[in-house]
Amino acid sequence: MVAAAVVRQRDRVLLTQRPAGTHLAGLWEFPGGKLEAGESPRECVRRECLEECGVELAVGAIIDVVFHAYEDRDVLLLFYDCQIVRGEIRHLEIADHEWCPVEELGARDLPAADAPLIPRLQELELERPS
């Protein structure tokens, strides 16, 4: 199981780039990672974001759940609505980061498991008060 953070600021969402030498290296993704033994998904999102990019998160509700079968592995992803509460983004275990406009997510090179989240984020963006 994988837990990922959806960090939104205005009409943009945080994406991080997977580093060289990792599964799906170079692709852009929502930050997060695999649950460790005895860890809740919310704890996982907090730990992974602190380890990967040096920020502490407030973890809110689940935005979406996605199952995807890659050739070499199956993943179940829980996407959480999150906010940065402390720290500045640093490239500790990521190659890069960007604040991507929600309407441009479809043009980014995302892992296949992250792609189903795009329509849900666009829907949430439309629901936001102006």
C-alpha atoms as a PDB file:
ATOM      1  CA  MET A   1       0.000   0.000   0.000  1.00  0.00           C
ATOM      2  CA  VAL A   2       1.158   3.508  -0.856  1.00  0.00           C
ATOM      3  CA  ALA A   3       0.012   6.769   0.734  1.00  0.00           C
ATOM      4  CA  ALA A   4       0.451  10.026  -1.171  1.00  0.00           C
ATOM      5  CA  ALA A   5       0.009  13.704  -0.345  1.00  0.00           C
ATOM      6  CA  VAL A   6      -2.057  16.025  -2.489  1.00  0.00           C
ATOM      7  CA  VAL A   7      -0.808  19.450  -1.428  1.00  0.00           C
ATOM      8  CA  ARG A   8      -2.770  22.238  -3.119  1.00  0.00           C
ATOM      9  CA  GLN A   9      -2.020  25.957  -3.090  1.00  0.00           C
ATOM     10  CA  ARG A  10      -4.593  28.039  -4.937  1.00  0.00           C
ATOM     11  CA  ASP A  11      -4.898  26.384  -8.392  1.00  0.00           C
ATOM     12  CA  ARG A  12      -1.607  24.466  -8.154  1.00  0.00           C
ATOM     13  CA  VAL A  13      -0.606  21.087  -6.766  1.00  0.00           C
ATOM     14  CA  LEU A  14       2.782  19.887  -5.506  1.00  0.00           C
ATOM     15  CA  LEU A  15       4.551  17.338  -7.688  1.00  0.00           C
ATOM     16  CA  THR A  16       7.923  15.760  -6.948  1.00  0.00           C
ATOM     17  CA  GLN A  17      10.241  14.080  -9.437  1.00  0.00           C
ATOM     18  CA  ARG A  18      11.453  10.550  -8.784  1.00  0.00           C
ATOM     19  CA  PRO A  19      15.261  10.364  -8.529  1.00  0.00           C
ATOM     20  CA  ALA A  20      17.544   8.369 -10.822  1.00  0.00           C
ATOM     21  CA  GLY A  21      17.998   4.729  -9.862  1.00  0.00           C
ATOM     22  CA  THR A  22      14.462   4.273  -8.518  1.00  0.00           C
ATOM     23  CA  HIS A  23      11.359   2.567  -9.927  1.00  0.00           C
ATOM     24  CA  LEU A  24       9.815   4.981 -12.470  1.00  0.00           C
ATOM     25  CA  ALA A  25      12.840   7.317 -12.247  1.00  0.00           C
ATOM     26  CA  GLY A  26      12.317  10.769 -13.750  1.00  0.00           C
ATOM     27  CA  LEU A  27       8.524  10.705 -13.572  1.00  0.00           C
ATOM     28  CA  TRP A  28       6.561  13.355 -11.673  1.00  0.00           C
ATOM     29  CA  GLU A  29       4.334  12.171  -8.830  1.00  0.00           C
ATOM     30  CA  PHE A  30       2.399  13.182  -5.757  1.00  0.00           C
ATOM     31  CA  PRO A  31       4.853  12.857  -2.838  1.00  0.00           C
ATOM     32  CA  GLY A  32       4.537   9.858  -0.561  1.00  0.00           C
ATOM     33  CA  GLY A  33       5.557   6.238  -0.413  1.00  0.00           C
ATOM     34  CA  LYS A  34       5.128   2.729   0.918  1.00  0.00           C
ATOM     35  CA  LEU A  35       3.740   2.033   4.351  1.00  0.00           C
ATOM     36  CA  GLU A  36       6.158   0.505   6.837  1.00  0.00           C
ATOM     37  CA  ALA A  37       5.145  -2.286   9.229  1.00  0.00           C
ATOM     38  CA  GLY A  38       2.774  -1.017  11.916  1.00  0.00           C
ATOM     39  CA  GLU A  39       2.389   2.397  10.289  1.00  0.00           C
ATOM     40  CA  SER A  40      -0.950   4.002   9.422  1.00  0.00           C
ATOM     41  CA  PRO A  41      -1.374   5.594   5.981  1.00  0.00           C
ATOM     42  CA  ARG A  42      -1.523   9.072   7.572  1.00  0.00           C
ATOM     43  CA  GLU A  43       1.702   8.417   9.479  1.00  0.00           C
ATOM     44  CA  CYS A  44       3.272   7.194   6.235  1.00  0.00           C
ATOM     45  CA  VAL A  45       2.387  10.390   4.338  1.00  0.00           C
ATOM     46  CA  ARG A  46       3.867  12.535   7.129  1.00  0.00           C
ATOM     47  CA  ARG A  47       7.069  10.453   7.381  1.00  0.00           C
ATOM     48  CA  GLU A  48       7.636  10.172   3.625  1.00  0.00           C
ATOM     49  CA  CYS A  49       7.199  13.901   2.985  1.00  0.00           C
ATOM     50  CA  LEU A  50       9.527  14.768   5.856  1.00  0.00           C
ATOM     51  CA  GLU A  51      12.168  12.290   4.603  1.00  0.00           C
ATOM     52  CA  GLU A  52      11.820  13.137   0.903  1.00  0.00           C
ATOM     53  CA  CYS A  53      11.366  16.899   0.919  1.00  0.00           C
ATOM     54  CA  GLY A  54      11.764  18.176   4.480  1.00  0.00           C
ATOM     55  CA  VAL A  55       8.220  19.391   5.124  1.00  0.00           C
ATOM     56  CA  GLU A  56       5.775  18.564   7.901  1.00  0.00           C
ATOM     57  CA  LEU A  57       2.195  18.017   6.814  1.00  0.00           C
ATOM     58  CA  ALA A  58      -1.273  18.212   8.265  1.00  0.00           C
ATOM     59  CA  VAL A  59      -3.017  15.203   6.723  1.00  0.00           C
ATOM     60  CA  GLY A  60      -6.718  15.552   5.986  1.00  0.00           C
ATOM     61  CA  ALA A  61      -9.322  13.384   4.306  1.00  0.00           C
ATOM     62  CA  ILE A  62      -8.785  10.816   1.578  1.00  0.00           C
ATOM     63  CA  ILE A  63      -9.379  12.406  -1.826  1.00  0.00           C
ATOM     64  CA  ASP A  64      -9.233   9.181  -3.834  1.00  0.00           C
ATOM     65  CA  VAL A  65      -8.162   5.520  -3.788  1.00  0.00           C
ATOM     66  CA  VAL A  66      -6.562   3.966  -6.875  1.00  0.00           C
ATOM     67  CA  PHE A  67      -5.493   0.405  -7.683  1.00  0.00           C
ATOM     68  CA  HIS A  68      -3.015  -0.085 -10.523  1.00  0.00           C
ATOM     69  CA  ALA A  69      -1.301  -3.205 -11.866  1.00  0.00           C
ATOM     70  CA  TYR A  70       2.168  -2.536 -13.285  1.00  0.00           C
ATOM     71  CA  GLU A  71       3.961  -5.363 -15.083  1.00  0.00           C
ATOM     72  CA  ASP A  72       6.171  -6.048 -12.075  1.00  0.00           C
ATOM     73  CA  ARG A  73       3.927  -5.001  -9.153  1.00  0.00           C
ATOM     74  CA  ASP A  74       0.437  -4.068  -8.033  1.00  0.00           C
ATOM     75  CA  VAL A  75      -0.150  -0.889  -6.031  1.00  0.00           C
ATOM     76  CA  LEU A  76      -3.021   0.423  -3.979  1.00  0.00           C
ATOM     77  CA  LEU A  77      -2.678   4.184  -3.507  1.00  0.00           C
ATOM     78  CA  LEU A  78      -4.453   6.326  -0.952  1.00  0.00           C
ATOM     79  CA  PHE A  79      -4.360  10.023  -1.894  1.00  0.00           C
ATOM     80  CA  TYR A  80      -4.762  12.415   1.069  1.00  0.00           C
ATOM     81  CA  ASP A  81      -5.617  16.102   1.083  1.00  0.00           C
ATOM     82  CA  CYS A  82      -2.635  17.715   2.865  1.00  0.00           C
ATOM     83  CA  GLN A  83      -1.222  21.085   3.863  1.00  0.00           C
ATOM     84  CA  ILE A  84       2.352  22.043   4.642  1.00  0.00           C
ATOM     85  CA  VAL A  85       2.479  23.207   8.255  1.00  0.00           C
ATOM     86  CA  ARG A  86       6.240  23.555   8.716  1.00  0.00           C
ATOM     87  CA  GLY A  87       9.364  23.650   6.589  1.00  0.00           C
ATOM     88  CA  GLU A  88      10.448  24.596   3.099  1.00  0.00           C
ATOM     89  CA  ILE A  89      10.626  22.044   0.300  1.00  0.00           C
ATOM     90  CA  ARG A  90      14.118  20.598  -0.061  1.00  0.00           C
ATOM     91  CA  HIS A  91      15.400  17.936  -2.448  1.00  0.00           C
ATOM     92  CA  LEU A  92      16.427  15.302   0.112  1.00  0.00           C
ATOM     93  CA  GLU A  93      15.197  12.154  -1.667  1.00  0.00           C
ATOM     94  CA  ILE A  94      13.629  13.729  -4.740  1.00  0.00           C
ATOM     95  CA  ALA A  95      15.217  15.018  -7.948  1.00  0.00           C
ATOM     96  CA  ASP A  96      13.045  18.133  -8.213  1.00  0.00           C
ATOM     97  CA  HIS A  97       9.651  19.622  -7.354  1.00  0.00           C
ATOM     98  CA  GLU A  98       7.133  21.944  -8.942  1.00  0.00           C
ATOM     99  CA  TRP A  99       3.802  23.602  -8.196  1.00  0.00           C
ATOM    100  CA  CYS A 100       1.870  22.430 -11.229  1.00  0.00           C
ATOM    101  CA  PRO A 101      -1.354  24.163 -12.295  1.00  0.00           C
ATOM    102  CA  VAL A 102      -4.191  21.653 -11.950  1.00  0.00           C
ATOM    103  CA  GLU A 103      -5.236  22.194 -15.576  1.00  0.00           C
ATOM    104  CA  GLU A 104      -1.701  21.199 -16.731  1.00  0.00           C
ATOM    105  CA  LEU A 105      -1.503  17.886 -14.826  1.00  0.00           C
ATOM    106  CA  GLY A 106      -2.495  15.894 -17.913  1.00  0.00           C
ATOM    107  CA  ALA A 107       0.607  17.171 -19.730  1.00  0.00           C
ATOM    108  CA  ARG A 108       3.016  15.961 -17.016  1.00  0.00           C
ATOM    109  CA  ASP A 109       4.801  12.615 -17.225  1.00  0.00           C
ATOM    110  CA  LEU A 110       3.072  10.930 -14.260  1.00  0.00           C
ATOM    111  CA  PRO A 111       3.129   7.256 -13.262  1.00  0.00           C
ATOM    112  CA  ALA A 112       0.106   5.386 -14.636  1.00  0.00           C
ATOM    113  CA  ALA A 113      -1.153   4.854 -11.073  1.00  0.00           C
ATOM    114  CA  ASP A 114      -1.314   8.629 -10.433  1.00  0.00           C
ATOM    115  CA  ALA A 115      -3.110   9.548 -13.678  1.00  0.00           C
ATOM    116  CA  PRO A 116      -6.650   8.562 -12.514  1.00  0.00           C
ATOM    117  CA  LEU A 117      -6.445  11.275  -9.855  1.00  0.00           C
ATOM    118  CA  ILE A 118      -6.283  14.100 -12.428  1.00  0.00           C
ATOM    119  CA  PRO A 119     -10.038  14.312 -13.180  1.00  0.00           C
ATOM    120  CA  ARG A 120     -10.825  14.259  -9.445  1.00  0.00           C
ATOM    121  CA  LEU A 121      -8.427  17.171  -8.798  1.00  0.00           C
ATOM    122  CA  GLN A 122      -9.894  19.128 -11.697  1.00  0.00           C
ATOM    123  CA  GLU A 123     -13.363  18.522 -10.246  1.00  0.00           C
ATOM    124  CA  LEU A 124     -12.205  19.720  -6.805  1.00  0.00           C
ATOM    125  CA  GLU A 125     -10.686  22.821  -8.392  1.00  0.00           C
ATOM    126  CA  LEU A 126     -14.020  23.681  -9.992  1.00  0.00           C
ATOM    127  CA  GLU A 127     -15.761  23.274  -6.611  1.00  0.00           C
ATOM    128  CA  ARG A 128     -13.442  25.770  -4.871  1.00  0.00           C
ATOM    129  CA  PRO A 129     -14.905  29.164  -4.049  1.00  0.00           C
ATOM    130  CA  SER A 130     -13.444  31.947  -6.205  1.00  0.00           C
END
